[in-house]
Amino acid sequence: MNKKYYLLAIISTLLFASLACAALSGNAPNEESASLPANVLFQDDFSDTSSGWDQVSVTEGITDYKDGHYRILVNTDDTDIWANPGLHFTDVVVEVDATKAGGPDDNDFGIICRYQDVENFYFFIISSDGFYGIGKYDNGEWVLLNEEQMLPTEDVNQGNATNHIRADCVGTHFVLYANNIKLAEIEDSSFASGDIGLLAGTLTEVGVEIQFDNLVVKKP
């Protein structure tokens, strides 16, 4: 069974109060973020391990800083793991570099915005075998919003490659870019504000490891 043809319904219910919720909403931005350009709300190159992101290591997976990156390792099949810095935004443009460091190409990874809690947020994902989608986790149910299935594209760099991912969350308008190419856009009004986050997941094979770097959150 392949998620590209069966939506995200095959992804199991997230096991994470532990991995997804370690960040506290009261965390302050790091010192680097205190003197940002006027259009930048938050940025992180993950060189400071006290910048607010989850640091959890359990049998099922890991979310932590590693060698100047932020690492998400998923050791359970049909599972997504995410992490948050514990902040709050309304309208944002979120950009990050994501590199597959291990595991199968049949995966998913990307950006979260308007994060409410462990069962409610928007996600913007691509995969290392060249698929993409925009969706929401709504009251514990995965729903793709741009199409009925993740769609193929030549604009995603496949295999052990780096992709620059951008998610626009502005009002009720949401757009996904990969490597500066617009892949999808949708309208939805479920969540008006919330935290951002990073996400990675598996299907039938475990060991997906994604390294994130150069995160920037900007005003639209």
C-alpha atoms as a PDB file:
ATOM      1  CA  MET A   1       0.000   0.000   0.000  1.00  0.00           C
ATOM      2  CA  ASN A   2       1.390   3.383  -1.000  1.00  0.00           C
ATOM      3  CA  LYS A   3       0.316   6.700   0.472  1.00  0.00           C
ATOM      4  CA  LYS A   4       0.495   8.361  -2.920  1.00  0.00           C
ATOM      5  CA  TYR A   5      -2.634   6.463  -3.911  1.00  0.00           C
ATOM      6  CA  TYR A   6      -4.358   6.063  -0.583  1.00  0.00           C
ATOM      7  CA  LEU A   7      -4.128   9.621   0.756  1.00  0.00           C
ATOM      8  CA  LEU A   8      -2.568   9.964   4.179  1.00  0.00           C
ATOM      9  CA  ALA A   9      -5.123   7.687   5.775  1.00  0.00           C
ATOM     10  CA  ILE A  10      -2.582   4.899   5.979  1.00  0.00           C
ATOM     11  CA  ILE A  11      -0.345   6.966   8.218  1.00  0.00           C
ATOM     12  CA  SER A  12      -1.008   5.735  11.712  1.00  0.00           C
ATOM     13  CA  THR A  13      -2.366   7.886  14.480  1.00  0.00           C
ATOM     14  CA  LEU A  14       0.599   9.813  15.787  1.00  0.00           C
ATOM     15  CA  LEU A  15       2.135   8.225  18.837  1.00  0.00           C
ATOM     16  CA  PHE A  16       3.364  11.462  20.139  1.00  0.00           C
ATOM     17  CA  ALA A  17       2.481  13.318  23.077  1.00  0.00           C
ATOM     18  CA  SER A  18       6.201  12.760  23.777  1.00  0.00           C
ATOM     19  CA  LEU A  19       7.817  13.623  20.433  1.00  0.00           C
ATOM     20  CA  ALA A  20       5.295  16.176  19.230  1.00  0.00           C
ATOM     21  CA  CYS A  21       4.651  18.138  22.392  1.00  0.00           C
ATOM     22  CA  ALA A  22       7.937  18.683  24.185  1.00  0.00           C
ATOM     23  CA  ALA A  23       8.095  22.367  23.259  1.00  0.00           C
ATOM     24  CA  LEU A  24       6.264  24.805  25.519  1.00  0.00           C
ATOM     25  CA  SER A  25       4.278  27.675  24.087  1.00  0.00           C
ATOM     26  CA  GLY A  26       6.045  30.058  26.426  1.00  0.00           C
ATOM     27  CA  ASN A  27       9.491  29.542  24.895  1.00  0.00           C
ATOM     28  CA  ALA A  28      11.111  32.771  23.715  1.00  0.00           C
ATOM     29  CA  PRO A  29      12.950  33.185  20.406  1.00  0.00           C
ATOM     30  CA  ASN A  30      16.707  32.712  20.556  1.00  0.00           C
ATOM     31  CA  GLU A  31      19.129  35.618  20.768  1.00  0.00           C
ATOM     32  CA  GLU A  32      19.726  35.509  17.030  1.00  0.00           C
ATOM     33  CA  SER A  33      16.019  36.197  16.515  1.00  0.00           C
ATOM     34  CA  ALA A  34      16.047  39.250  18.797  1.00  0.00           C
ATOM     35  CA  SER A  35      17.673  41.482  16.172  1.00  0.00           C
ATOM     36  CA  LEU A  36      16.133  40.332  12.909  1.00  0.00           C
ATOM     37  CA  PRO A  37      15.341  42.263   9.729  1.00  0.00           C
ATOM     38  CA  ALA A  38      11.922  43.910   9.804  1.00  0.00           C
ATOM     39  CA  ASN A  39      10.291  41.256   7.608  1.00  0.00           C
ATOM     40  CA  VAL A  40      11.698  38.267   9.544  1.00  0.00           C
ATOM     41  CA  LEU A  41       9.724  37.018  12.536  1.00  0.00           C
ATOM     42  CA  PHE A  42      11.965  34.095  13.497  1.00  0.00           C
ATOM     43  CA  GLN A  43      14.947  32.231  12.104  1.00  0.00           C
ATOM     44  CA  ASP A  44      17.074  29.308  13.208  1.00  0.00           C
ATOM     45  CA  ASP A  45      20.177  27.678  11.770  1.00  0.00           C
ATOM     46  CA  PHE A  46      20.003  25.096  14.597  1.00  0.00           C
ATOM     47  CA  SER A  47      23.515  25.879  15.831  1.00  0.00           C
ATOM     48  CA  ASP A  48      22.071  26.827  19.233  1.00  0.00           C
ATOM     49  CA  THR A  49      20.636  23.747  20.906  1.00  0.00           C
ATOM     50  CA  SER A  50      18.647  25.919  23.320  1.00  0.00           C
ATOM     51  CA  SER A  51      16.593  27.651  20.620  1.00  0.00           C
ATOM     52  CA  GLY A  52      13.392  25.944  21.756  1.00  0.00           C
ATOM     53  CA  TRP A  53      12.856  22.849  19.595  1.00  0.00           C
ATOM     54  CA  ASP A  54      11.911  19.428  20.968  1.00  0.00           C
ATOM     55  CA  GLN A  55      14.803  17.202  22.048  1.00  0.00           C
ATOM     56  CA  VAL A  56      13.403  13.697  22.453  1.00  0.00           C
ATOM     57  CA  SER A  57      14.910  10.257  21.850  1.00  0.00           C
ATOM     58  CA  VAL A  58      12.756   7.143  22.201  1.00  0.00           C
ATOM     59  CA  THR A  59      12.584   3.778  20.461  1.00  0.00           C
ATOM     60  CA  GLU A  60      10.038   5.060  17.929  1.00  0.00           C
ATOM     61  CA  GLY A  61      12.124   8.016  16.797  1.00  0.00           C
ATOM     62  CA  ILE A  62      14.269  11.054  17.517  1.00  0.00           C
ATOM     63  CA  THR A  63      13.780  14.800  17.270  1.00  0.00           C
ATOM     64  CA  ASP A  64      16.918  16.722  18.213  1.00  0.00           C
ATOM     65  CA  TYR A  65      19.715  19.017  17.137  1.00  0.00           C
ATOM     66  CA  LYS A  66      22.652  17.337  15.396  1.00  0.00           C
ATOM     67  CA  ASP A  67      25.827  18.828  13.881  1.00  0.00           C
ATOM     68  CA  GLY A  68      24.275  22.204  13.146  1.00  0.00           C
ATOM     69  CA  HIS A  69      21.011  20.770  11.770  1.00  0.00           C
ATOM     70  CA  TYR A  70      17.691  19.740  13.228  1.00  0.00           C
ATOM     71  CA  ARG A  71      17.149  16.009  12.841  1.00  0.00           C
ATOM     72  CA  ILE A  72      13.947  13.963  12.697  1.00  0.00           C
ATOM     73  CA  LEU A  73      14.478  10.186  12.609  1.00  0.00           C
ATOM     74  CA  VAL A  74      11.443   7.889  12.323  1.00  0.00           C
ATOM     75  CA  ASN A  75      11.949   4.279  13.411  1.00  0.00           C
ATOM     76  CA  THR A  76       8.302   3.170  13.200  1.00  0.00           C
ATOM     77  CA  ASP A  77       6.421   2.333  10.020  1.00  0.00           C
ATOM     78  CA  ASP A  78       3.363   4.307   8.865  1.00  0.00           C
ATOM     79  CA  THR A  79       4.161   7.118  11.275  1.00  0.00           C
ATOM     80  CA  ASP A  80       4.804  10.845  11.116  1.00  0.00           C
ATOM     81  CA  ILE A  81       6.844  12.662  13.753  1.00  0.00           C
ATOM     82  CA  TRP A  82       6.982  16.416  14.149  1.00  0.00           C
ATOM     83  CA  ALA A  83       8.596  19.086  16.305  1.00  0.00           C
ATOM     84  CA  ASN A  84       7.756  22.676  17.210  1.00  0.00           C
ATOM     85  CA  PRO A  85       9.688  25.651  18.639  1.00  0.00           C
ATOM     86  CA  GLY A  86       6.845  26.732  20.935  1.00  0.00           C
ATOM     87  CA  LEU A  87       5.931  30.028  19.251  1.00  0.00           C
ATOM     88  CA  HIS A  88       2.770  31.605  17.865  1.00  0.00           C
ATOM     89  CA  PHE A  89       2.109  33.281  14.517  1.00  0.00           C
ATOM     90  CA  THR A  90      -0.805  34.271  12.309  1.00  0.00           C
ATOM     91  CA  ASP A  91       0.161  34.985   8.681  1.00  0.00           C
ATOM     92  CA  VAL A  92       3.626  33.708   7.742  1.00  0.00           C
ATOM     93  CA  VAL A  93       5.903  32.493   4.988  1.00  0.00           C
ATOM     94  CA  VAL A  94       8.027  29.598   6.293  1.00  0.00           C
ATOM     95  CA  GLU A  95      11.128  28.391   4.442  1.00  0.00           C
ATOM     96  CA  VAL A  96      13.583  25.605   5.266  1.00  0.00           C
ATOM     97  CA  ASP A  97      16.222  23.413   3.626  1.00  0.00           C
ATOM     98  CA  ALA A  98      15.510  19.695   4.074  1.00  0.00           C
ATOM     99  CA  THR A  99      17.961  16.895   3.256  1.00  0.00           C
ATOM    100  CA  LYS A 100      17.299  13.167   3.323  1.00  0.00           C
ATOM    101  CA  ALA A 101      20.129  11.686   5.396  1.00  0.00           C
ATOM    102  CA  GLY A 102      18.881   8.096   5.533  1.00  0.00           C
ATOM    103  CA  GLY A 103      16.098   5.635   4.970  1.00  0.00           C
ATOM    104  CA  PRO A 104      13.740   4.980   2.042  1.00  0.00           C
ATOM    105  CA  ASP A 105      12.785   7.517  -0.621  1.00  0.00           C
ATOM    106  CA  ASP A 106       9.139   6.563  -0.065  1.00  0.00           C
ATOM    107  CA  ASN A 107       8.673   9.036   2.777  1.00  0.00           C
ATOM    108  CA  ASP A 108       7.217  12.442   3.534  1.00  0.00           C
ATOM    109  CA  PHE A 109       8.666  15.571   5.111  1.00  0.00           C
ATOM    110  CA  GLY A 110       8.077  19.270   5.283  1.00  0.00           C
ATOM    111  CA  ILE A 111       6.594  22.208   7.171  1.00  0.00           C
ATOM    112  CA  ILE A 112       3.760  22.699   9.651  1.00  0.00           C
ATOM    113  CA  CYS A 113       1.872  25.943  10.240  1.00  0.00           C
ATOM    114  CA  ARG A 114      -1.086  27.079  12.362  1.00  0.00           C
ATOM    115  CA  TYR A 115      -0.268  24.305  14.858  1.00  0.00           C
ATOM    116  CA  GLN A 116      -2.986  24.154  17.536  1.00  0.00           C
ATOM    117  CA  ASP A 117      -2.206  20.893  19.310  1.00  0.00           C
ATOM    118  CA  VAL A 118      -1.274  17.282  18.515  1.00  0.00           C
ATOM    119  CA  GLU A 119      -4.451  16.762  16.474  1.00  0.00           C
ATOM    120  CA  ASN A 120      -4.893  20.072  14.625  1.00  0.00           C
ATOM    121  CA  PHE A 121      -2.548  21.810  12.146  1.00  0.00           C
ATOM    122  CA  TYR A 122      -1.723  22.335   8.451  1.00  0.00           C
ATOM    123  CA  PHE A 123       1.119  20.437   6.754  1.00  0.00           C
ATOM    124  CA  PHE A 124       3.069  21.010   3.527  1.00  0.00           C
ATOM    125  CA  ILE A 125       4.970  17.912   2.424  1.00  0.00           C
ATOM    126  CA  ILE A 126       7.134  16.462  -0.297  1.00  0.00           C
ATOM    127  CA  SER A 127       8.782  13.046  -0.606  1.00  0.00           C
ATOM    128  CA  SER A 128      12.200  11.826  -1.684  1.00  0.00           C
ATOM    129  CA  ASP A 129      10.619   9.945  -4.593  1.00  0.00           C
ATOM    130  CA  GLY A 130       9.107  13.148  -5.994  1.00  0.00           C
ATOM    131  CA  PHE A 131       5.578  13.672  -4.672  1.00  0.00           C
ATOM    132  CA  TYR A 132       3.896  16.587  -2.867  1.00  0.00           C
ATOM    133  CA  GLY A 133       0.765  17.638  -1.026  1.00  0.00           C
ATOM    134  CA  ILE A 134      -0.909  20.206   1.228  1.00  0.00           C
ATOM    135  CA  GLY A 135      -3.215  19.037   3.973  1.00  0.00           C
ATOM    136  CA  LYS A 136      -4.419  19.346   7.514  1.00  0.00           C
ATOM    137  CA  TYR A 137      -4.526  17.140  10.565  1.00  0.00           C
ATOM    138  CA  ASP A 138      -8.050  17.975  11.735  1.00  0.00           C
ATOM    139  CA  ASN A 139      -9.269  16.499  15.015  1.00  0.00           C
ATOM    140  CA  GLY A 140      -6.901  13.582  14.534  1.00  0.00           C
ATOM    141  CA  GLU A 141      -7.795  12.905  10.890  1.00  0.00           C
ATOM    142  CA  TRP A 142      -5.319  13.337   8.003  1.00  0.00           C
ATOM    143  CA  VAL A 143      -6.887  15.177   5.059  1.00  0.00           C
ATOM    144  CA  LEU A 144      -5.162  16.178   1.824  1.00  0.00           C
ATOM    145  CA  LEU A 145      -6.540  19.484   0.545  1.00  0.00           C
ATOM    146  CA  ASN A 146      -4.921  20.093  -2.848  1.00  0.00           C
ATOM    147  CA  GLU A 147      -5.935  16.746  -4.427  1.00  0.00           C
ATOM    148  CA  GLU A 148      -7.240  13.333  -3.457  1.00  0.00           C
ATOM    149  CA  GLN A 149      -3.686  11.979  -3.477  1.00  0.00           C
ATOM    150  CA  MET A 150      -0.110  13.173  -3.368  1.00  0.00           C
ATOM    151  CA  LEU A 151       0.945  14.139  -6.880  1.00  0.00           C
ATOM    152  CA  PRO A 152       4.245  13.566  -8.745  1.00  0.00           C
ATOM    153  CA  THR A 153       6.529  16.404  -9.776  1.00  0.00           C
ATOM    154  CA  GLU A 154       9.946  16.790 -11.374  1.00  0.00           C
ATOM    155  CA  ASP A 155      10.595  19.868  -9.244  1.00  0.00           C
ATOM    156  CA  VAL A 156      11.423  17.860  -6.110  1.00  0.00           C
ATOM    157  CA  ASN A 157      15.036  16.691  -5.880  1.00  0.00           C
ATOM    158  CA  GLN A 158      14.899  12.953  -5.286  1.00  0.00           C
ATOM    159  CA  GLY A 159      17.028  10.572  -3.247  1.00  0.00           C
ATOM    160  CA  ASN A 160      19.606  11.820  -0.739  1.00  0.00           C
ATOM    161  CA  ALA A 161      19.197  15.397  -1.887  1.00  0.00           C
ATOM    162  CA  THR A 162      18.437  18.793  -0.399  1.00  0.00           C
ATOM    163  CA  ASN A 163      15.152  20.544  -1.174  1.00  0.00           C
ATOM    164  CA  HIS A 164      14.239  24.107  -0.315  1.00  0.00           C
ATOM    165  CA  ILE A 165      10.652  24.008   0.945  1.00  0.00           C
ATOM    166  CA  ARG A 166       8.412  27.039   1.376  1.00  0.00           C
ATOM    167  CA  ALA A 167       4.939  27.214   2.891  1.00  0.00           C
ATOM    168  CA  ASP A 168       2.782  30.343   2.650  1.00  0.00           C
ATOM    169  CA  CYS A 169       0.074  30.546   5.306  1.00  0.00           C
ATOM    170  CA  VAL A 170      -1.768  33.828   4.699  1.00  0.00           C
ATOM    171  CA  GLY A 171      -5.365  34.255   5.772  1.00  0.00           C
ATOM    172  CA  THR A 172      -7.252  31.343   4.249  1.00  0.00           C
ATOM    173  CA  HIS A 173      -4.726  30.935   1.424  1.00  0.00           C
ATOM    174  CA  PHE A 174      -2.009  28.256   1.576  1.00  0.00           C
ATOM    175  CA  VAL A 175       0.752  27.623  -0.965  1.00  0.00           C
ATOM    176  CA  LEU A 176       3.509  24.989  -1.192  1.00  0.00           C
ATOM    177  CA  TYR A 177       6.776  25.605  -3.065  1.00  0.00           C
ATOM    178  CA  ALA A 178       9.751  23.320  -3.632  1.00  0.00           C
ATOM    179  CA  ASN A 179      13.011  24.768  -4.922  1.00  0.00           C
ATOM    180  CA  ASN A 180      11.251  28.067  -5.738  1.00  0.00           C
ATOM    181  CA  ILE A 181       8.594  26.362  -7.893  1.00  0.00           C
ATOM    182  CA  LYS A 182       4.933  26.625  -6.868  1.00  0.00           C
ATOM    183  CA  LEU A 183       3.502  23.123  -6.516  1.00  0.00           C
ATOM    184  CA  ALA A 184       0.059  23.628  -5.010  1.00  0.00           C
ATOM    185  CA  GLU A 185      -2.274  26.174  -3.447  1.00  0.00           C
ATOM    186  CA  ILE A 186      -5.532  25.786  -1.565  1.00  0.00           C
ATOM    187  CA  GLU A 187      -8.099  27.708   0.474  1.00  0.00           C
ATOM    188  CA  ASP A 188      -9.156  26.637   3.974  1.00  0.00           C
ATOM    189  CA  SER A 189     -10.379  28.382   7.124  1.00  0.00           C
ATOM    190  CA  SER A 190      -9.990  25.745   9.831  1.00  0.00           C
ATOM    191  CA  PHE A 191      -7.083  27.273  11.767  1.00  0.00           C
ATOM    192  CA  ALA A 192      -6.348  31.009  11.973  1.00  0.00           C
ATOM    193  CA  SER A 193      -3.047  31.019  13.891  1.00  0.00           C
ATOM    194  CA  GLY A 194      -0.633  28.823  15.821  1.00  0.00           C
ATOM    195  CA  ASP A 195       2.894  27.465  16.012  1.00  0.00           C
ATOM    196  CA  ILE A 196       5.075  26.352  13.129  1.00  0.00           C
ATOM    197  CA  GLY A 197       6.861  23.014  12.929  1.00  0.00           C
ATOM    198  CA  LEU A 198       8.867  20.459  10.982  1.00  0.00           C
ATOM    199  CA  LEU A 199       7.656  16.982  10.081  1.00  0.00           C
ATOM    200  CA  ALA A 200       8.940  13.680   8.680  1.00  0.00           C
ATOM    201  CA  GLY A 201       7.291  10.315   8.184  1.00  0.00           C
ATOM    202  CA  THR A 202       7.533   6.720   7.021  1.00  0.00           C
ATOM    203  CA  LEU A 203       5.311   4.286   5.168  1.00  0.00           C
ATOM    204  CA  THR A 204       6.201   0.580   5.098  1.00  0.00           C
ATOM    205  CA  GLU A 205       9.955   1.028   5.635  1.00  0.00           C
ATOM    206  CA  VAL A 206      11.470   2.555   8.765  1.00  0.00           C
ATOM    207  CA  GLY A 207      14.621   4.614   9.198  1.00  0.00           C
ATOM    208  CA  VAL A 208      13.611   7.866   7.480  1.00  0.00           C
ATOM    209  CA  GLU A 209      16.026  10.577   8.609  1.00  0.00           C
ATOM    210  CA  ILE A 210      15.566  14.177   7.504  1.00  0.00           C
ATOM    211  CA  GLN A 211      17.947  16.988   8.428  1.00  0.00           C
ATOM    212  CA  PHE A 212      16.565  20.541   8.422  1.00  0.00           C
ATOM    213  CA  ASP A 213      18.555  23.768   8.217  1.00  0.00           C
ATOM    214  CA  ASN A 214      18.234  27.503   7.555  1.00  0.00           C
ATOM    215  CA  LEU A 215      14.687  27.907   8.825  1.00  0.00           C
ATOM    216  CA  VAL A 216      13.182  31.364   8.269  1.00  0.00           C
ATOM    217  CA  VAL A 217       9.726  32.631   9.214  1.00  0.00           C
ATOM    218  CA  LYS A 218       8.817  35.861   7.410  1.00  0.00           C
ATOM    219  CA  LYS A 219       5.945  38.282   7.208  1.00  0.00           C
ATOM    220  CA  PRO A 220       3.978  37.745   3.969  1.00  0.00           C
END
